[in-house]
Amino acid sequence: MQFTNFFLAALSLGSAIAGPVAGFKPFDDATAAVAHAKTIVQEQVVVINALTKGTPTDETVTKIQQSLVTVGANVNGLHAYVLALGQFGSTPLSQAQLAKVPQFAEDFRGIFINVEVIGKKLTGAGFSHDVVAQIKPELQWVLSTSGPIARPIIVFARIAAPIHIKLFTSVTSVLVNIQALVTVIIAPLAGLKLVVA
């Protein structure tokens, strides 16, 4: 009986020590997913920049749509990871995880800065209304996803790593610009010249 009690006490102590070392697994998953999404979005910025030079052809428009679908799929793919971060509770981040927070913030910001670049590029490219109408659904999808993805990450950072919160909240102005671009895209196309400062 004493051996059993001793064993349970040792197991409990071991769990208490192992918890902080292991950290919060959804954070590791989210950092990997956000880093991957940032890389994909950066690649698509290069593609879209190349496609917006010159007069667009049907092939160019199709490639822009494909690029936007790639961006949208990768940003939307973060939903599950963001929801998992919302379960953050009594398990603190480990020291190794806390050390990763600044890079996580940079990757997080990088996604939305590049989404803003894509939105500005495509709304200010001087495309005809017909071309804008063709890419509108994909572009609207890409832009409107940003807020729902960003907000839970900022909330998580406030709780889990408040010392680094400014790194996360610095994206707020970018999110405001993205929301303005959504308004431009939703606006009636007839007679509008889409110009973004």
N, C-alpha and C. Protein backbone atom coordinates (compact mmCIF):
# COMPACT_ATOMS: atom_id res chain seq x y z
N MET A 1 0.81 -1.18 0.00
CA MET A 1 0.00 0.00 0.00
C MET A 1 0.86 1.26 0.00
N GLN A 2 1.90 1.26 0.88
CA GLN A 2 2.78 2.42 0.92
C GLN A 2 3.51 2.57 -0.41
N PHE A 3 3.89 1.44 -1.00
CA PHE A 3 4.58 1.49 -2.29
C PHE A 3 3.68 2.12 -3.35
N THR A 4 2.40 1.75 -3.35
CA THR A 4 1.44 2.30 -4.31
C THR A 4 1.30 3.81 -4.13
N ASN A 5 1.19 4.25 -2.88
CA ASN A 5 1.07 5.69 -2.62
C ASN A 5 2.33 6.43 -3.06
N PHE A 6 3.49 5.83 -2.76
CA PHE A 6 4.76 6.43 -3.16
C PHE A 6 4.84 6.51 -4.69
N PHE A 7 4.42 5.44 -5.37
CA PHE A 7 4.47 5.40 -6.83
C PHE A 7 3.56 6.48 -7.43
N LEU A 8 2.35 6.61 -6.89
CA LEU A 8 1.41 7.62 -7.38
C LEU A 8 1.93 9.03 -7.13
N ALA A 9 2.54 9.24 -5.98
CA ALA A 9 3.10 10.55 -5.68
C ALA A 9 4.24 10.89 -6.63
N ALA A 10 5.09 9.89 -6.91
CA ALA A 10 6.21 10.10 -7.83
C ALA A 10 5.69 10.37 -9.23
N LEU A 11 4.66 9.63 -9.64
CA LEU A 11 4.08 9.82 -10.97
C LEU A 11 3.48 11.22 -11.09
N SER A 12 2.79 11.65 -10.04
CA SER A 12 2.19 12.98 -10.02
C SER A 12 3.26 14.06 -10.10
N LEU A 13 4.34 13.91 -9.35
CA LEU A 13 5.44 14.86 -9.36
C LEU A 13 6.08 14.90 -10.74
N GLY A 14 6.27 13.72 -11.31
CA GLY A 14 6.86 13.65 -12.65
C GLY A 14 5.99 14.35 -13.67
N SER A 15 4.68 14.21 -13.58
CA SER A 15 3.76 14.87 -14.50
C SER A 15 3.82 16.38 -14.33
N ALA A 16 3.92 16.81 -13.08
CA ALA A 16 3.99 18.25 -12.82
C ALA A 16 5.25 18.86 -13.41
N ILE A 17 6.33 18.11 -13.36
CA ILE A 17 7.59 18.61 -13.91
C ILE A 17 7.56 18.54 -15.43
N ALA A 18 7.00 17.48 -15.98
CA ALA A 18 7.00 17.27 -17.43
C ALA A 18 6.08 18.24 -18.14
N GLY A 19 4.99 18.69 -17.48
CA GLY A 19 4.02 19.57 -18.12
C GLY A 19 4.64 20.82 -18.73
N PRO A 20 5.30 21.66 -17.94
CA PRO A 20 5.88 22.87 -18.48
C PRO A 20 6.96 22.60 -19.53
N VAL A 21 7.67 21.47 -19.40
CA VAL A 21 8.70 21.15 -20.39
C VAL A 21 8.04 20.83 -21.72
N ALA A 22 6.94 20.07 -21.67
CA ALA A 22 6.24 19.69 -22.89
C ALA A 22 5.54 20.89 -23.50
N GLY A 23 4.98 21.76 -22.69
CA GLY A 23 4.30 22.94 -23.19
C GLY A 23 2.93 22.62 -23.76
N PHE A 24 2.46 23.51 -24.62
CA PHE A 24 1.11 23.46 -25.19
C PHE A 24 1.23 23.02 -26.65
N LYS A 25 0.90 21.76 -26.93
CA LYS A 25 1.11 21.20 -28.27
C LYS A 25 0.43 21.99 -29.39
N PRO A 26 -0.81 22.48 -29.21
CA PRO A 26 -1.40 23.27 -30.29
C PRO A 26 -0.56 24.48 -30.71
N PHE A 27 0.25 25.00 -29.80
CA PHE A 27 1.13 26.12 -30.17
C PHE A 27 2.17 25.65 -31.19
N ASP A 28 2.76 24.48 -30.95
CA ASP A 28 3.75 23.95 -31.90
C ASP A 28 3.11 23.72 -33.26
N ASP A 29 1.91 23.17 -33.26
CA ASP A 29 1.19 22.93 -34.51
C ASP A 29 0.89 24.24 -35.23
N ALA A 30 0.45 25.24 -34.46
CA ALA A 30 0.11 26.54 -35.05
C ALA A 30 1.34 27.24 -35.60
N THR A 31 2.46 27.18 -34.89
CA THR A 31 3.67 27.86 -35.39
C THR A 31 4.11 27.24 -36.71
N ALA A 32 4.04 25.92 -36.81
CA ALA A 32 4.43 25.25 -38.06
C ALA A 32 3.47 25.62 -39.19
N ALA A 33 2.17 25.63 -38.90
CA ALA A 33 1.16 25.93 -39.92
C ALA A 33 1.26 27.38 -40.39
N VAL A 34 1.47 28.30 -39.45
CA VAL A 34 1.57 29.72 -39.80
C VAL A 34 2.84 29.97 -40.62
N ALA A 35 3.95 29.35 -40.24
CA ALA A 35 5.20 29.51 -41.01
C ALA A 35 5.02 28.99 -42.44
N HIS A 36 4.36 27.85 -42.57
CA HIS A 36 4.12 27.27 -43.90
C HIS A 36 3.22 28.19 -44.73
N ALA A 37 2.13 28.67 -44.12
CA ALA A 37 1.21 29.56 -44.84
C ALA A 37 1.91 30.85 -45.27
N LYS A 38 2.77 31.38 -44.40
CA LYS A 38 3.50 32.61 -44.75
C LYS A 38 4.36 32.39 -45.99
N THR A 39 5.04 31.26 -46.05
CA THR A 39 5.89 30.95 -47.21
C THR A 39 5.07 30.86 -48.49
N ILE A 40 3.93 30.18 -48.42
CA ILE A 40 3.06 30.03 -49.59
C ILE A 40 2.54 31.39 -50.05
N VAL A 41 2.09 32.20 -49.09
CA VAL A 41 1.54 33.52 -49.45
C VAL A 41 2.63 34.39 -50.07
N GLN A 42 3.84 34.35 -49.53
CA GLN A 42 4.95 35.12 -50.11
C GLN A 42 5.22 34.68 -51.55
N GLU A 43 5.21 33.39 -51.79
CA GLU A 43 5.43 32.87 -53.15
C GLU A 43 4.36 33.38 -54.10
N GLN A 44 3.12 33.43 -53.63
CA GLN A 44 2.02 33.87 -54.50
C GLN A 44 2.06 35.38 -54.74
N VAL A 45 2.63 36.14 -53.83
CA VAL A 45 2.82 37.58 -54.08
C VAL A 45 3.71 37.76 -55.29
N VAL A 46 4.78 36.98 -55.37
CA VAL A 46 5.71 37.05 -56.51
C VAL A 46 4.97 36.69 -57.80
N VAL A 47 4.17 35.63 -57.74
CA VAL A 47 3.41 35.18 -58.92
C VAL A 47 2.44 36.28 -59.37
N ILE A 48 1.69 36.84 -58.43
CA ILE A 48 0.69 37.87 -58.77
C ILE A 48 1.37 39.14 -59.29
N ASN A 49 2.50 39.52 -58.71
CA ASN A 49 3.24 40.67 -59.22
C ASN A 49 3.61 40.47 -60.69
N ALA A 50 4.07 39.28 -61.02
CA ALA A 50 4.45 38.98 -62.40
C ALA A 50 3.23 39.00 -63.32
N LEU A 51 2.10 38.50 -62.84
CA LEU A 51 0.89 38.39 -63.67
C LEU A 51 0.19 39.72 -63.89
N THR A 52 0.47 40.70 -63.06
CA THR A 52 -0.22 41.99 -63.19
C THR A 52 0.56 42.98 -64.05
N LYS A 53 1.64 42.53 -64.65
CA LYS A 53 2.39 43.40 -65.56
C LYS A 53 1.80 43.25 -66.96
N GLY A 54 1.47 44.36 -67.57
CA GLY A 54 0.92 44.31 -68.92
C GLY A 54 -0.58 44.09 -68.91
N THR A 55 -1.14 43.96 -70.11
CA THR A 55 -2.56 43.76 -70.28
C THR A 55 -2.92 42.31 -70.00
N PRO A 56 -3.89 42.07 -69.14
CA PRO A 56 -4.21 40.68 -68.79
C PRO A 56 -4.93 39.95 -69.93
N THR A 57 -4.56 38.71 -70.13
CA THR A 57 -5.24 37.83 -71.07
C THR A 57 -6.14 36.89 -70.28
N ASP A 58 -6.92 36.09 -70.99
CA ASP A 58 -7.76 35.10 -70.30
C ASP A 58 -6.88 34.15 -69.49
N GLU A 59 -5.74 33.79 -70.06
CA GLU A 59 -4.81 32.88 -69.36
C GLU A 59 -4.27 33.53 -68.09
N THR A 60 -3.92 34.82 -68.19
CA THR A 60 -3.41 35.55 -67.03
C THR A 60 -4.46 35.60 -65.91
N VAL A 61 -5.71 35.89 -66.30
CA VAL A 61 -6.79 35.97 -65.32
C VAL A 61 -6.98 34.62 -64.63
N THR A 62 -6.93 33.56 -65.40
CA THR A 62 -7.06 32.21 -64.82
C THR A 62 -5.93 31.93 -63.84
N LYS A 63 -4.73 32.33 -64.19
CA LYS A 63 -3.57 32.11 -63.29
C LYS A 63 -3.69 32.95 -62.02
N ILE A 64 -4.22 34.18 -62.15
CA ILE A 64 -4.44 35.02 -60.96
C ILE A 64 -5.47 34.35 -60.05
N GLN A 65 -6.55 33.83 -60.65
CA GLN A 65 -7.57 33.13 -59.87
C GLN A 65 -6.97 31.93 -59.14
N GLN A 66 -6.14 31.17 -59.85
CA GLN A 66 -5.49 30.00 -59.23
C GLN A 66 -4.59 30.41 -58.08
N SER A 67 -3.87 31.50 -58.27
CA SER A 67 -2.99 32.00 -57.22
C SER A 67 -3.79 32.43 -56.00
N LEU A 68 -4.90 33.11 -56.23
CA LEU A 68 -5.75 33.54 -55.12
C LEU A 68 -6.36 32.35 -54.39
N VAL A 69 -6.73 31.32 -55.13
CA VAL A 69 -7.27 30.10 -54.50
C VAL A 69 -6.20 29.46 -53.62
N THR A 70 -4.96 29.46 -54.08
CA THR A 70 -3.86 28.91 -53.28
C THR A 70 -3.68 29.70 -51.99
N VAL A 71 -3.69 31.02 -52.10
CA VAL A 71 -3.57 31.87 -50.90
C VAL A 71 -4.75 31.63 -49.96
N GLY A 72 -5.96 31.67 -50.52
CA GLY A 72 -7.15 31.49 -49.70
C GLY A 72 -7.18 30.15 -48.99
N ALA A 73 -6.79 29.10 -49.70
CA ALA A 73 -6.79 27.76 -49.10
C ALA A 73 -5.80 27.68 -47.95
N ASN A 74 -4.63 28.29 -48.11
CA ASN A 74 -3.61 28.22 -47.07
C ASN A 74 -3.96 29.08 -45.86
N VAL A 75 -4.53 30.26 -46.09
CA VAL A 75 -4.92 31.11 -44.97
C VAL A 75 -6.13 30.49 -44.26
N ASN A 76 -7.11 30.03 -45.04
CA ASN A 76 -8.27 29.36 -44.43
C ASN A 76 -7.89 28.09 -43.71
N GLY A 77 -6.83 27.44 -44.18
CA GLY A 77 -6.35 26.21 -43.54
C GLY A 77 -5.86 26.42 -42.12
N LEU A 78 -5.69 27.68 -41.73
CA LEU A 78 -5.23 27.99 -40.37
C LEU A 78 -6.36 27.95 -39.34
N HIS A 79 -7.61 27.88 -39.80
CA HIS A 79 -8.76 27.91 -38.88
C HIS A 79 -8.65 26.87 -37.77
N ALA A 80 -8.37 25.62 -38.13
CA ALA A 80 -8.32 24.55 -37.12
C ALA A 80 -7.23 24.82 -36.09
N TYR A 81 -6.08 25.34 -36.55
CA TYR A 81 -4.97 25.63 -35.63
C TYR A 81 -5.32 26.79 -34.71
N VAL A 82 -6.01 27.79 -35.25
CA VAL A 82 -6.43 28.95 -34.46
C VAL A 82 -7.44 28.53 -33.40
N LEU A 83 -8.39 27.69 -33.79
CA LEU A 83 -9.38 27.21 -32.82
C LEU A 83 -8.71 26.42 -31.70
N ALA A 84 -7.70 25.63 -32.05
CA ALA A 84 -6.98 24.86 -31.03
C ALA A 84 -6.25 25.78 -30.05
N LEU A 85 -5.73 26.91 -30.54
CA LEU A 85 -5.08 27.88 -29.64
C LEU A 85 -6.06 28.43 -28.63
N GLY A 86 -7.34 28.49 -29.01
CA GLY A 86 -8.37 28.98 -28.11
C GLY A 86 -8.59 28.10 -26.90
N GLN A 87 -8.04 26.89 -26.92
CA GLN A 87 -8.17 25.97 -25.79
C GLN A 87 -7.05 26.18 -24.77
N PHE A 88 -6.22 27.18 -24.99
CA PHE A 88 -5.12 27.43 -24.07
C PHE A 88 -5.68 27.68 -22.68
N GLY A 89 -5.17 26.94 -21.72
CA GLY A 89 -5.68 27.07 -20.36
C GLY A 89 -4.56 27.03 -19.35
N SER A 90 -4.54 25.97 -18.55
CA SER A 90 -3.60 25.91 -17.44
C SER A 90 -2.21 25.41 -17.84
N THR A 91 -2.07 24.86 -19.05
CA THR A 91 -0.75 24.39 -19.48
C THR A 91 0.04 25.56 -20.04
N PRO A 92 1.10 25.98 -19.36
CA PRO A 92 1.85 27.14 -19.86
C PRO A 92 2.73 26.74 -21.05
N LEU A 93 3.16 27.74 -21.79
CA LEU A 93 4.14 27.49 -22.85
C LEU A 93 5.46 27.12 -22.18
N SER A 94 6.18 26.20 -22.80
CA SER A 94 7.51 25.85 -22.29
C SER A 94 8.49 26.97 -22.62
N GLN A 95 9.67 26.91 -22.04
CA GLN A 95 10.69 27.92 -22.34
C GLN A 95 11.05 27.91 -23.82
N ALA A 96 11.14 26.71 -24.41
CA ALA A 96 11.46 26.60 -25.84
C ALA A 96 10.36 27.24 -26.68
N GLN A 97 9.11 27.04 -26.27
CA GLN A 97 8.00 27.64 -27.00
C GLN A 97 7.99 29.16 -26.86
N LEU A 98 8.25 29.64 -25.65
CA LEU A 98 8.31 31.09 -25.45
C LEU A 98 9.38 31.73 -26.33
N ALA A 99 10.47 31.01 -26.52
CA ALA A 99 11.54 31.51 -27.38
C ALA A 99 11.10 31.60 -28.85
N LYS A 100 10.09 30.81 -29.22
CA LYS A 100 9.60 30.81 -30.61
C LYS A 100 8.54 31.88 -30.86
N VAL A 101 8.05 32.52 -29.82
CA VAL A 101 6.95 33.48 -29.98
C VAL A 101 7.31 34.63 -30.92
N PRO A 102 8.49 35.27 -30.82
CA PRO A 102 8.79 36.36 -31.76
C PRO A 102 8.76 35.93 -33.23
N GLN A 103 9.27 34.73 -33.53
CA GLN A 103 9.23 34.25 -34.91
C GLN A 103 7.79 33.96 -35.33
N PHE A 104 7.01 33.40 -34.40
CA PHE A 104 5.59 33.15 -34.67
C PHE A 104 4.90 34.47 -35.01
N ALA A 105 5.20 35.52 -34.26
CA ALA A 105 4.61 36.84 -34.52
C ALA A 105 5.02 37.37 -35.88
N GLU A 106 6.29 37.19 -36.23
CA GLU A 106 6.77 37.65 -37.54
C GLU A 106 6.08 36.91 -38.68
N ASP A 107 5.94 35.60 -38.55
CA ASP A 107 5.26 34.81 -39.57
C ASP A 107 3.80 35.21 -39.68
N PHE A 108 3.17 35.41 -38.53
CA PHE A 108 1.77 35.84 -38.45
C PHE A 108 1.59 37.17 -39.17
N ARG A 109 2.44 38.14 -38.85
CA ARG A 109 2.37 39.45 -39.49
C ARG A 109 2.64 39.35 -40.99
N GLY A 110 3.61 38.50 -41.34
CA GLY A 110 3.98 38.34 -42.75
C GLY A 110 2.82 37.91 -43.62
N ILE A 111 2.00 37.02 -43.09
CA ILE A 111 0.83 36.56 -43.86
C ILE A 111 -0.06 37.74 -44.21
N PHE A 112 -0.42 38.54 -43.22
CA PHE A 112 -1.40 39.59 -43.45
C PHE A 112 -0.82 40.79 -44.19
N ILE A 113 0.45 41.06 -44.00
CA ILE A 113 1.10 42.10 -44.80
C ILE A 113 1.06 41.71 -46.27
N ASN A 114 1.33 40.45 -46.57
CA ASN A 114 1.32 40.00 -47.95
C ASN A 114 -0.09 39.89 -48.52
N VAL A 115 -1.07 39.54 -47.69
CA VAL A 115 -2.47 39.56 -48.15
C VAL A 115 -2.86 40.99 -48.52
N GLU A 116 -2.44 41.95 -47.71
CA GLU A 116 -2.71 43.36 -48.03
C GLU A 116 -2.05 43.75 -49.35
N VAL A 117 -0.81 43.33 -49.55
CA VAL A 117 -0.08 43.62 -50.80
C VAL A 117 -0.85 43.06 -51.99
N ILE A 118 -1.33 41.83 -51.87
CA ILE A 118 -2.10 41.20 -52.95
C ILE A 118 -3.37 42.00 -53.24
N GLY A 119 -4.08 42.37 -52.18
CA GLY A 119 -5.31 43.15 -52.36
C GLY A 119 -5.07 44.48 -53.04
N LYS A 120 -4.05 45.20 -52.59
CA LYS A 120 -3.73 46.49 -53.20
C LYS A 120 -3.29 46.33 -54.65
N LYS A 121 -2.50 45.29 -54.88
CA LYS A 121 -2.00 45.06 -56.25
C LYS A 121 -3.16 44.81 -57.21
N LEU A 122 -4.09 43.98 -56.80
CA LEU A 122 -5.17 43.59 -57.70
C LEU A 122 -6.27 44.63 -57.82
N THR A 123 -6.49 45.44 -56.79
CA THR A 123 -7.50 46.48 -56.90
C THR A 123 -6.94 47.75 -57.54
N GLY A 124 -5.64 47.88 -57.54
CA GLY A 124 -5.02 49.07 -58.12
C GLY A 124 -4.26 48.80 -59.40
N ALA A 125 -4.49 47.64 -60.02
CA ALA A 125 -3.71 47.25 -61.20
C ALA A 125 -4.22 47.89 -62.48
N GLY A 126 -5.32 48.62 -62.40
CA GLY A 126 -5.85 49.24 -63.61
C GLY A 126 -6.56 48.25 -64.52
N PHE A 127 -6.99 47.13 -63.94
CA PHE A 127 -7.73 46.14 -64.71
C PHE A 127 -9.10 46.70 -65.10
N SER A 128 -9.63 46.19 -66.20
CA SER A 128 -10.99 46.56 -66.60
C SER A 128 -11.98 46.00 -65.58
N HIS A 129 -13.20 46.52 -65.61
CA HIS A 129 -14.24 46.03 -64.70
C HIS A 129 -14.49 44.54 -64.92
N ASP A 130 -14.42 44.12 -66.18
CA ASP A 130 -14.65 42.70 -66.49
C ASP A 130 -13.62 41.80 -65.81
N VAL A 131 -12.36 42.22 -65.86
CA VAL A 131 -11.29 41.43 -65.23
C VAL A 131 -11.48 41.41 -63.72
N VAL A 132 -11.77 42.57 -63.14
CA VAL A 132 -11.98 42.65 -61.69
C VAL A 132 -13.16 41.77 -61.29
N ALA A 133 -14.21 41.78 -62.10
CA ALA A 133 -15.39 40.95 -61.80
C ALA A 133 -15.04 39.46 -61.82
N GLN A 134 -14.13 39.08 -62.70
CA GLN A 134 -13.74 37.67 -62.80
C GLN A 134 -12.95 37.20 -61.58
N ILE A 135 -12.10 38.07 -61.05
CA ILE A 135 -11.27 37.66 -59.91
C ILE A 135 -11.92 38.02 -58.56
N LYS A 136 -13.04 38.74 -58.60
CA LYS A 136 -13.67 39.24 -57.38
C LYS A 136 -13.97 38.15 -56.35
N PRO A 137 -14.59 37.02 -56.72
CA PRO A 137 -14.92 36.03 -55.68
C PRO A 137 -13.69 35.50 -54.94
N GLU A 138 -12.64 35.20 -55.69
CA GLU A 138 -11.42 34.67 -55.06
C GLU A 138 -10.74 35.72 -54.20
N LEU A 139 -10.69 36.96 -54.73
CA LEU A 139 -10.03 38.03 -53.97
C LEU A 139 -10.82 38.36 -52.71
N GLN A 140 -12.12 38.40 -52.81
CA GLN A 140 -12.95 38.67 -51.64
C GLN A 140 -12.75 37.58 -50.58
N TRP A 141 -12.66 36.33 -51.03
CA TRP A 141 -12.44 35.20 -50.11
C TRP A 141 -11.12 35.37 -49.37
N VAL A 142 -10.06 35.71 -50.11
CA VAL A 142 -8.73 35.88 -49.50
C VAL A 142 -8.75 37.00 -48.47
N LEU A 143 -9.33 38.14 -48.84
CA LEU A 143 -9.30 39.31 -47.96
C LEU A 143 -10.18 39.13 -46.73
N SER A 144 -11.36 38.54 -46.91
CA SER A 144 -12.31 38.46 -45.80
C SER A 144 -11.92 37.42 -44.74
N THR A 145 -10.99 36.55 -45.07
CA THR A 145 -10.55 35.53 -44.12
C THR A 145 -9.61 36.09 -43.05
N SER A 146 -8.96 37.18 -43.35
CA SER A 146 -7.88 37.68 -42.49
C SER A 146 -8.30 37.97 -41.06
N GLY A 147 -9.36 38.74 -40.88
CA GLY A 147 -9.80 39.09 -39.53
C GLY A 147 -10.12 37.89 -38.66
N PRO A 148 -10.96 36.95 -39.16
CA PRO A 148 -11.29 35.78 -38.34
C PRO A 148 -10.09 34.92 -37.96
N ILE A 149 -9.04 34.95 -38.77
CA ILE A 149 -7.83 34.18 -38.44
C ILE A 149 -6.98 34.96 -37.43
N ALA A 150 -6.84 36.26 -37.64
CA ALA A 150 -5.93 37.06 -36.83
C ALA A 150 -6.40 37.27 -35.40
N ARG A 151 -7.67 37.55 -35.23
CA ARG A 151 -8.16 37.90 -33.89
C ARG A 151 -7.88 36.83 -32.83
N PRO A 152 -8.19 35.55 -33.08
CA PRO A 152 -7.92 34.55 -32.05
C PRO A 152 -6.44 34.40 -31.73
N ILE A 153 -5.58 34.62 -32.72
CA ILE A 153 -4.14 34.53 -32.46
C ILE A 153 -3.70 35.67 -31.54
N ILE A 154 -4.25 36.85 -31.77
CA ILE A 154 -3.92 38.00 -30.90
C ILE A 154 -4.42 37.74 -29.48
N VAL A 155 -5.63 37.19 -29.35
CA VAL A 155 -6.17 36.86 -28.02
C VAL A 155 -5.27 35.84 -27.32
N PHE A 156 -4.86 34.81 -28.06
CA PHE A 156 -3.96 33.79 -27.51
C PHE A 156 -2.66 34.44 -27.03
N ALA A 157 -2.08 35.31 -27.84
CA ALA A 157 -0.81 35.96 -27.48
C ALA A 157 -0.96 36.81 -26.22
N ARG A 158 -2.10 37.48 -26.07
CA ARG A 158 -2.34 38.29 -24.86
C ARG A 158 -2.27 37.45 -23.60
N ILE A 159 -2.79 36.23 -23.69
CA ILE A 159 -2.84 35.35 -22.52
C ILE A 159 -1.54 34.59 -22.33
N ALA A 160 -1.02 34.02 -23.42
CA ALA A 160 0.13 33.10 -23.32
C ALA A 160 1.48 33.80 -23.32
N ALA A 161 1.58 34.94 -23.98
CA ALA A 161 2.88 35.63 -24.08
C ALA A 161 2.67 37.14 -24.09
N PRO A 162 2.12 37.69 -23.00
CA PRO A 162 1.79 39.12 -22.99
C PRO A 162 3.00 40.03 -23.19
N ILE A 163 4.17 39.53 -22.86
CA ILE A 163 5.37 40.35 -23.04
C ILE A 163 5.62 40.65 -24.52
N HIS A 164 5.08 39.81 -25.41
CA HIS A 164 5.29 39.98 -26.85
C HIS A 164 4.04 40.50 -27.58
N ILE A 165 3.05 40.96 -26.85
CA ILE A 165 1.76 41.30 -27.47
C ILE A 165 1.89 42.39 -28.53
N LYS A 166 2.81 43.34 -28.36
CA LYS A 166 2.96 44.42 -29.34
C LYS A 166 3.37 43.88 -30.70
N LEU A 167 4.12 42.77 -30.70
CA LEU A 167 4.51 42.16 -31.98
C LEU A 167 3.27 41.69 -32.75
N PHE A 168 2.25 41.26 -32.01
CA PHE A 168 1.03 40.75 -32.64
C PHE A 168 0.06 41.88 -32.98
N THR A 169 -0.12 42.82 -32.05
CA THR A 169 -1.11 43.88 -32.27
C THR A 169 -0.64 44.89 -33.32
N SER A 170 0.64 44.87 -33.68
CA SER A 170 1.13 45.78 -34.72
C SER A 170 0.49 45.47 -36.08
N VAL A 171 -0.17 44.33 -36.21
CA VAL A 171 -0.82 43.96 -37.46
C VAL A 171 -2.21 44.61 -37.57
N THR A 172 -2.68 45.28 -36.53
CA THR A 172 -4.02 45.85 -36.52
C THR A 172 -4.25 46.81 -37.68
N SER A 173 -3.29 47.69 -37.94
CA SER A 173 -3.46 48.65 -39.04
C SER A 173 -3.54 47.94 -40.39
N VAL A 174 -2.81 46.86 -40.53
CA VAL A 174 -2.86 46.06 -41.76
C VAL A 174 -4.25 45.45 -41.92
N LEU A 175 -4.82 44.94 -40.82
CA LEU A 175 -6.16 44.36 -40.87
C LEU A 175 -7.21 45.41 -41.23
N VAL A 176 -7.03 46.63 -40.74
CA VAL A 176 -7.95 47.73 -41.10
C VAL A 176 -7.87 48.00 -42.60
N ASN A 177 -6.65 48.01 -43.14
CA ASN A 177 -6.47 48.23 -44.59
C ASN A 177 -7.10 47.10 -45.39
N ILE A 178 -6.95 45.87 -44.92
CA ILE A 178 -7.55 44.73 -45.61
C ILE A 178 -9.07 44.86 -45.60
N GLN A 179 -9.63 45.27 -44.48
CA GLN A 179 -11.09 45.46 -44.40
C GLN A 179 -11.54 46.54 -45.38
N ALA A 180 -10.75 47.59 -45.53
CA ALA A 180 -11.08 48.64 -46.50
C ALA A 180 -11.06 48.08 -47.92
N LEU A 181 -10.12 47.20 -48.19
CA LEU A 181 -10.06 46.57 -49.51
C LEU A 181 -11.27 45.68 -49.76
N VAL A 182 -11.73 45.00 -48.72
CA VAL A 182 -12.94 44.18 -48.84
C VAL A 182 -14.11 45.07 -49.25
N THR A 183 -14.21 46.25 -48.64
CA THR A 183 -15.28 47.20 -48.97
C THR A 183 -15.19 47.62 -50.43
N VAL A 184 -13.99 47.85 -50.90
CA VAL A 184 -13.79 48.25 -52.30
C VAL A 184 -14.23 47.11 -53.23
N ILE A 185 -13.91 45.89 -52.88
CA ILE A 185 -14.26 44.74 -53.71
C ILE A 185 -15.76 44.51 -53.72
N ILE A 186 -16.40 44.70 -52.58
CA ILE A 186 -17.84 44.47 -52.49
C ILE A 186 -18.62 45.58 -53.19
N ALA A 187 -18.04 46.77 -53.28
CA ALA A 187 -18.73 47.91 -53.90
C ALA A 187 -19.12 47.57 -55.33
N PRO A 188 -20.21 48.17 -55.81
CA PRO A 188 -20.62 47.91 -57.20
C PRO A 188 -19.49 48.28 -58.16
N LEU A 189 -19.28 47.43 -59.16
CA LEU A 189 -18.16 47.64 -60.09
C LEU A 189 -18.48 48.67 -61.17
N ALA A 190 -19.73 48.80 -61.54
CA ALA A 190 -20.08 49.67 -62.66
C ALA A 190 -19.73 51.11 -62.34
N GLY A 191 -18.96 51.73 -63.23
CA GLY A 191 -18.63 53.13 -63.10
C GLY A 191 -17.57 53.43 -62.05
N LEU A 192 -17.04 52.43 -61.37
CA LEU A 192 -16.02 52.68 -60.35
C LEU A 192 -14.64 52.50 -60.93
N LYS A 193 -13.76 53.40 -60.57
CA LYS A 193 -12.35 53.18 -60.86
C LYS A 193 -11.73 52.77 -59.54
N LEU A 194 -11.19 51.55 -59.48
CA LEU A 194 -10.66 51.04 -58.22
C LEU A 194 -9.26 51.58 -58.01
N VAL A 195 -9.14 52.46 -57.05
CA VAL A 195 -7.84 53.04 -56.74
C VAL A 195 -7.62 52.90 -55.24
N VAL A 196 -6.47 52.36 -54.88
CA VAL A 196 -6.13 52.23 -53.47
C VAL A 196 -4.85 52.99 -53.22
N ALA A 197 -4.91 53.92 -52.27
CA ALA A 197 -3.72 54.74 -51.97
C ALA A 197 -2.65 53.93 -51.33
